[in-house]
Protein backbone atom coordinates (compact mmCIF):
# COMPACT_ATOMS: atom_id res chain seq x y z
CA MET A 1 2.16 46.58 -12.09
CA GLN A 2 0.28 47.60 -15.33
CA ASN A 3 1.77 50.01 -17.63
CA SER A 4 -0.11 53.27 -17.80
CA LEU A 5 -0.78 54.22 -21.56
CA LYS A 6 -1.32 58.07 -21.96
CA HIS A 7 0.30 58.79 -25.17
CA VAL A 8 0.56 56.63 -28.28
CA ALA A 9 2.43 58.01 -31.41
CA ILE A 10 2.42 56.36 -34.81
CA ILE A 11 4.86 56.21 -37.80
CA MET A 12 2.22 55.47 -40.58
CA ASP A 13 4.05 53.39 -43.16
CA GLY A 14 2.75 51.58 -46.26
CA ASN A 15 0.19 53.69 -48.08
CA GLY A 16 2.17 53.76 -51.15
CA ARG A 17 2.34 49.86 -51.18
CA TRP A 18 -1.05 49.38 -50.39
CA ALA A 19 -2.02 51.09 -53.32
CA GLN A 20 0.59 49.42 -55.49
CA LYS A 21 -0.67 46.04 -54.52
CA ARG A 22 -4.31 47.03 -55.75
CA GLY A 23 -2.96 48.47 -59.07
CA LEU A 24 -3.91 52.18 -57.81
CA PRO A 25 -1.67 55.29 -57.86
CA ARG A 26 -0.11 56.15 -54.75
CA LEU A 27 -2.27 58.65 -53.97
CA SER A 28 -5.08 56.63 -53.62
CA GLY A 29 -2.91 54.72 -50.84
CA HIS A 30 -2.74 57.98 -49.05
CA GLU A 31 -6.61 58.74 -49.27
CA ALA A 32 -6.95 55.35 -47.71
CA GLY A 33 -4.21 56.19 -45.13
CA ALA A 34 -6.40 59.54 -44.32
CA ARG A 35 -9.32 57.21 -43.62
CA ALA A 36 -7.24 55.10 -41.42
CA THR A 37 -6.37 58.17 -39.47
CA ARG A 38 -9.87 59.30 -39.18
CA LYS A 39 -10.79 55.88 -37.73
CA ILE A 40 -7.88 55.46 -35.58
CA VAL A 41 -8.55 58.92 -33.62
CA GLU A 42 -12.12 57.51 -32.99
CA LEU A 43 -10.62 54.38 -31.72
CA ALA A 44 -8.16 56.20 -29.48
CA LYS A 45 -10.85 58.08 -27.87
CA GLU A 46 -12.80 55.01 -26.95
CA ARG A 47 -9.84 53.38 -25.58
CA GLY A 48 -9.21 56.15 -23.23
CA ILE A 49 -5.82 57.01 -25.11
CA LYS A 50 -5.44 60.95 -24.06
CA TYR A 51 -2.49 61.69 -26.57
CA LEU A 52 -2.19 60.80 -30.14
CA SER A 53 0.68 61.77 -32.23
CA ILE A 54 0.81 60.98 -36.09
CA TYR A 55 3.81 61.18 -38.38
CA ALA A 56 2.25 62.58 -41.73
CA PHE A 57 4.95 64.18 -43.49
CA SER A 58 8.61 64.09 -42.58
CA SER A 59 11.31 66.82 -43.60
CA GLU A 60 12.49 64.25 -45.84
CA ASN A 61 9.36 63.64 -47.64
CA TRP A 62 9.92 66.82 -49.44
CA HIS A 63 12.40 65.01 -51.65
CA ARG A 64 9.78 62.79 -53.08
CA PRO A 65 8.03 63.58 -56.73
CA ILE A 66 6.75 66.63 -57.12
CA GLU A 67 3.30 65.03 -58.03
CA GLU A 68 2.99 63.13 -54.80
CA VAL A 69 4.13 65.95 -52.34
CA GLU A 70 1.75 68.49 -54.12
CA GLY A 71 -1.06 65.43 -53.73
CA LEU A 72 -0.31 65.12 -50.34
CA TRP A 73 -0.67 68.64 -49.37
CA GLN A 74 -4.03 68.85 -51.29
CA LEU A 75 -5.20 65.67 -49.66
CA LEU A 76 -4.25 67.36 -45.96
CA ASP A 77 -6.28 70.62 -47.31
CA ARG A 78 -9.28 68.46 -48.00
CA PHE A 79 -9.08 66.43 -44.74
CA ILE A 80 -9.02 69.38 -42.62
CA ASP A 81 -12.25 70.89 -44.36
CA GLU A 82 -13.86 67.59 -44.03
CA GLU A 83 -12.79 66.92 -40.43
CA VAL A 84 -12.74 70.35 -38.30
CA GLY A 85 -16.36 70.11 -37.40
CA ARG A 86 -16.01 66.55 -36.26
CA LEU A 87 -13.04 67.23 -34.41
CA LYS A 88 -14.67 70.17 -32.54
CA GLU A 89 -18.02 68.13 -31.72
CA THR A 90 -16.15 65.07 -30.60
CA GLY A 91 -14.04 67.03 -28.22
CA VAL A 92 -10.59 66.31 -30.15
CA ASN A 93 -7.75 68.95 -29.61
CA PHE A 94 -5.89 69.56 -32.88
CA ASN A 95 -2.22 70.55 -33.05
CA VAL A 96 0.70 70.38 -35.53
CA ILE A 97 4.32 69.95 -34.87
CA GLY A 98 7.09 70.65 -37.57
CA ASP A 99 8.49 73.41 -39.63
CA MET A 100 5.26 75.15 -40.86
CA SER A 101 7.34 77.86 -42.76
CA LYS A 102 7.59 75.60 -45.59
CA LEU A 103 3.72 75.24 -45.98
CA SER A 104 1.81 77.52 -48.20
CA GLY A 105 0.29 80.64 -46.54
CA ARG A 106 -3.29 79.40 -47.10
CA LEU A 107 -2.57 76.13 -45.54
CA GLN A 108 -0.90 77.65 -42.67
CA ALA A 109 -3.72 79.75 -41.91
CA LYS A 110 -6.18 76.91 -42.31
CA ILE A 111 -4.15 74.89 -39.62
CA ARG A 112 -3.95 77.66 -37.22
CA ASN A 113 -7.70 78.26 -37.49
CA THR A 114 -8.15 74.44 -36.60
CA ILE A 115 -6.07 74.71 -33.83
CA ASP A 116 -7.90 77.68 -32.38
CA LEU A 117 -11.31 76.26 -33.13
CA THR A 118 -10.38 73.14 -31.02
CA LYS A 119 -8.17 74.56 -28.26
CA GLU A 120 -10.73 74.19 -25.61
CA ASN A 121 -11.24 70.30 -26.39
CA SER A 122 -9.59 67.75 -24.16
CA ALA A 123 -10.84 64.40 -24.96
CA VAL A 124 -8.23 63.44 -27.14
CA PHE A 125 -4.91 65.55 -27.80
CA LEU A 126 -3.99 65.00 -31.70
CA THR A 127 -0.74 65.91 -32.67
CA ILE A 128 0.04 65.57 -36.31
CA ALA A 129 3.72 65.94 -37.42
CA LEU A 130 4.20 67.76 -40.71
CA SER A 131 7.40 68.93 -42.32
CA TYR A 132 8.84 67.44 -39.10
CA GLY A 133 12.05 65.76 -38.47
CA GLY A 134 13.45 64.95 -34.90
CA ARG A 135 17.02 66.37 -35.77
CA ASP A 136 15.41 69.59 -37.44
CA GLU A 137 13.50 70.09 -33.93
CA ILE A 138 16.20 69.84 -32.19
CA LEU A 139 18.37 72.42 -34.01
CA ARG A 140 15.30 74.79 -33.99
CA ALA A 141 15.19 74.25 -30.21
CA VAL A 142 18.81 75.00 -29.93
CA ASP A 143 18.57 77.82 -32.32
CA ALA A 144 15.72 79.46 -29.98
CA ILE A 145 18.15 78.70 -26.99
CA VAL A 146 20.92 80.64 -28.33
CA LYS A 147 18.80 83.70 -29.36
CA ASP A 148 17.37 83.80 -25.72
CA GLY A 149 20.63 83.69 -24.36
CA VAL A 150 20.07 81.28 -21.47
CA ALA A 151 21.45 77.80 -21.30
CA PRO A 152 18.62 75.26 -20.25
CA LYS A 153 19.77 73.69 -16.79
CA ASP A 154 18.11 70.46 -17.11
CA GLU A 155 16.01 68.32 -19.45
CA GLU A 156 12.75 69.64 -18.36
CA ALA A 157 13.94 73.33 -19.23
CA PHE A 158 15.37 71.83 -22.86
CA LYS A 159 12.12 70.61 -23.32
CA ARG A 160 10.19 73.88 -23.25
CA TYR A 161 11.99 74.58 -26.52
CA LEU A 162 10.93 71.43 -28.54
CA ASP A 163 7.67 71.29 -30.41
CA THR A 164 6.15 69.10 -28.08
CA ARG A 165 6.54 71.13 -24.91
CA GLU A 166 2.74 70.92 -24.50
CA ILE A 167 2.31 67.11 -24.29
CA PRO A 168 4.18 64.23 -22.69
CA ASP A 169 6.59 61.83 -24.20
CA PRO A 170 5.16 58.86 -25.99
CA ASP A 171 4.66 55.70 -23.93
CA LEU A 172 4.31 53.50 -27.01
CA LEU A 173 5.26 54.34 -30.55
CA ILE A 174 3.98 52.12 -33.28
CA ARG A 175 5.36 51.82 -36.78
CA THR A 176 3.20 49.80 -39.32
CA GLY A 177 4.55 48.62 -42.86
CA GLY A 178 7.08 46.22 -41.85
CA GLU A 179 9.87 48.73 -41.47
CA TRP A 180 12.32 48.60 -38.20
CA ARG A 181 13.58 52.05 -37.93
CA ILE A 182 12.29 55.47 -36.45
CA SER A 183 12.88 57.61 -39.39
CA ASN A 184 13.95 60.89 -37.55
CA PHE A 185 10.56 60.99 -35.71
CA MET A 186 10.72 62.38 -31.92
CA LEU A 187 14.30 61.56 -31.35
CA TRP A 188 14.29 63.40 -28.13
CA GLN A 189 11.10 62.43 -26.84
CA ILE A 190 11.14 58.55 -27.54
CA ALA A 191 14.50 57.78 -25.19
CA TYR A 192 12.38 55.58 -23.14
CA THR A 193 9.41 54.50 -25.32
CA GLU A 194 8.18 51.08 -25.86
CA ILE A 195 8.54 50.53 -29.95
CA TYR A 196 5.94 48.23 -31.39
CA PHE A 197 6.64 47.21 -34.99
CA THR A 198 3.97 45.43 -37.14
CA ASP A 199 3.87 44.28 -40.95
CA ILE A 200 0.40 45.89 -41.49
CA LEU A 201 -0.02 48.57 -43.93
CA TRP A 202 -1.23 51.63 -42.82
CA PRO A 203 -4.61 51.49 -44.57
CA ASP A 204 -5.35 48.14 -43.15
CA PHE A 205 -4.50 49.06 -39.25
CA ASP A 206 -7.71 48.84 -37.52
CA GLY A 207 -9.09 48.37 -33.99
CA ALA A 208 -7.56 44.81 -33.88
CA ALA A 209 -4.22 45.79 -34.69
CA LEU A 210 -4.41 48.69 -32.08
CA ASP A 211 -5.62 46.46 -29.62
CA ASN A 212 -2.75 43.97 -30.48
CA ALA A 213 -0.10 46.83 -29.94
CA ILE A 214 -1.82 47.87 -26.40
CA THR A 215 -1.82 44.44 -25.24
CA TRP A 216 2.01 43.78 -26.41
CA PHE A 217 2.59 47.37 -24.21
CA THR A 218 1.09 46.21 -21.06
CA SER A 219 3.47 42.93 -21.16
CA ARG A 220 6.27 45.24 -21.18
CA GLN A 221 8.29 46.29 -18.18
CA ARG A 222 9.49 49.66 -18.44
CA ARG A 223 12.75 50.08 -16.23
CA TYR A 224 13.84 53.46 -17.37
CA GLY A 225 17.46 52.40 -16.58
CA MET A 226 16.67 50.54 -13.34
CA THR A 227 16.32 46.77 -12.57
CA GLY A 228 13.52 44.60 -12.89
CA GLU A 229 13.97 43.97 -9.16
CA GLN A 230 13.68 47.74 -8.47
CA ILE A 231 10.71 48.28 -10.71
CA GLU A 232 8.84 45.22 -9.09
CA GLY A 233 9.62 46.49 -5.53
CA LYS A 234 7.66 49.81 -6.05
């Protein structure tokens, strides 16, 4: 039975090292990474991937040098300006998860506007994780539950309090850059996600690399706690 691939999540890693290898400033690597992100959205649509989630800025990334942090937000600001028209025209539904309260009011408004302009699109549901951490997401969910005063009775009820309540859990998580960790990304959602690690630095991640990850995914047997015999008998 071939695995169904609806949702791909990506931890984009390696922008800084990509730049350093070329004697460029780290922000040049992030700019190259933004171009790779633009391309991967197009590739996902071509390959029929309905949901694509990108880990762009973690809650821990705030501890990076201030020049890099400010440069990243300026890059995001410019990326939205450049891409909003394309997203709308190509059927991409744009959304953001994470703690938006830490972003500038101007950037928050720009994000909300982009979400509103693309809310009717359904070719690809693109989710960008900004100022996001899996533990922080769960804590915020628990805080909202406490305020509501009603304890969720099952996992589906709890999921309604998560940032990702509108999208399915990832089928495949890809991490580029040669690191073997999940870095506080979608801790609740990836309980049974297949995780693919590659040494390719994010700016170099292309269609062939994506196809290799998809091919690997289709070879996996997803058992969800059951035995292989049970799965094969379905």
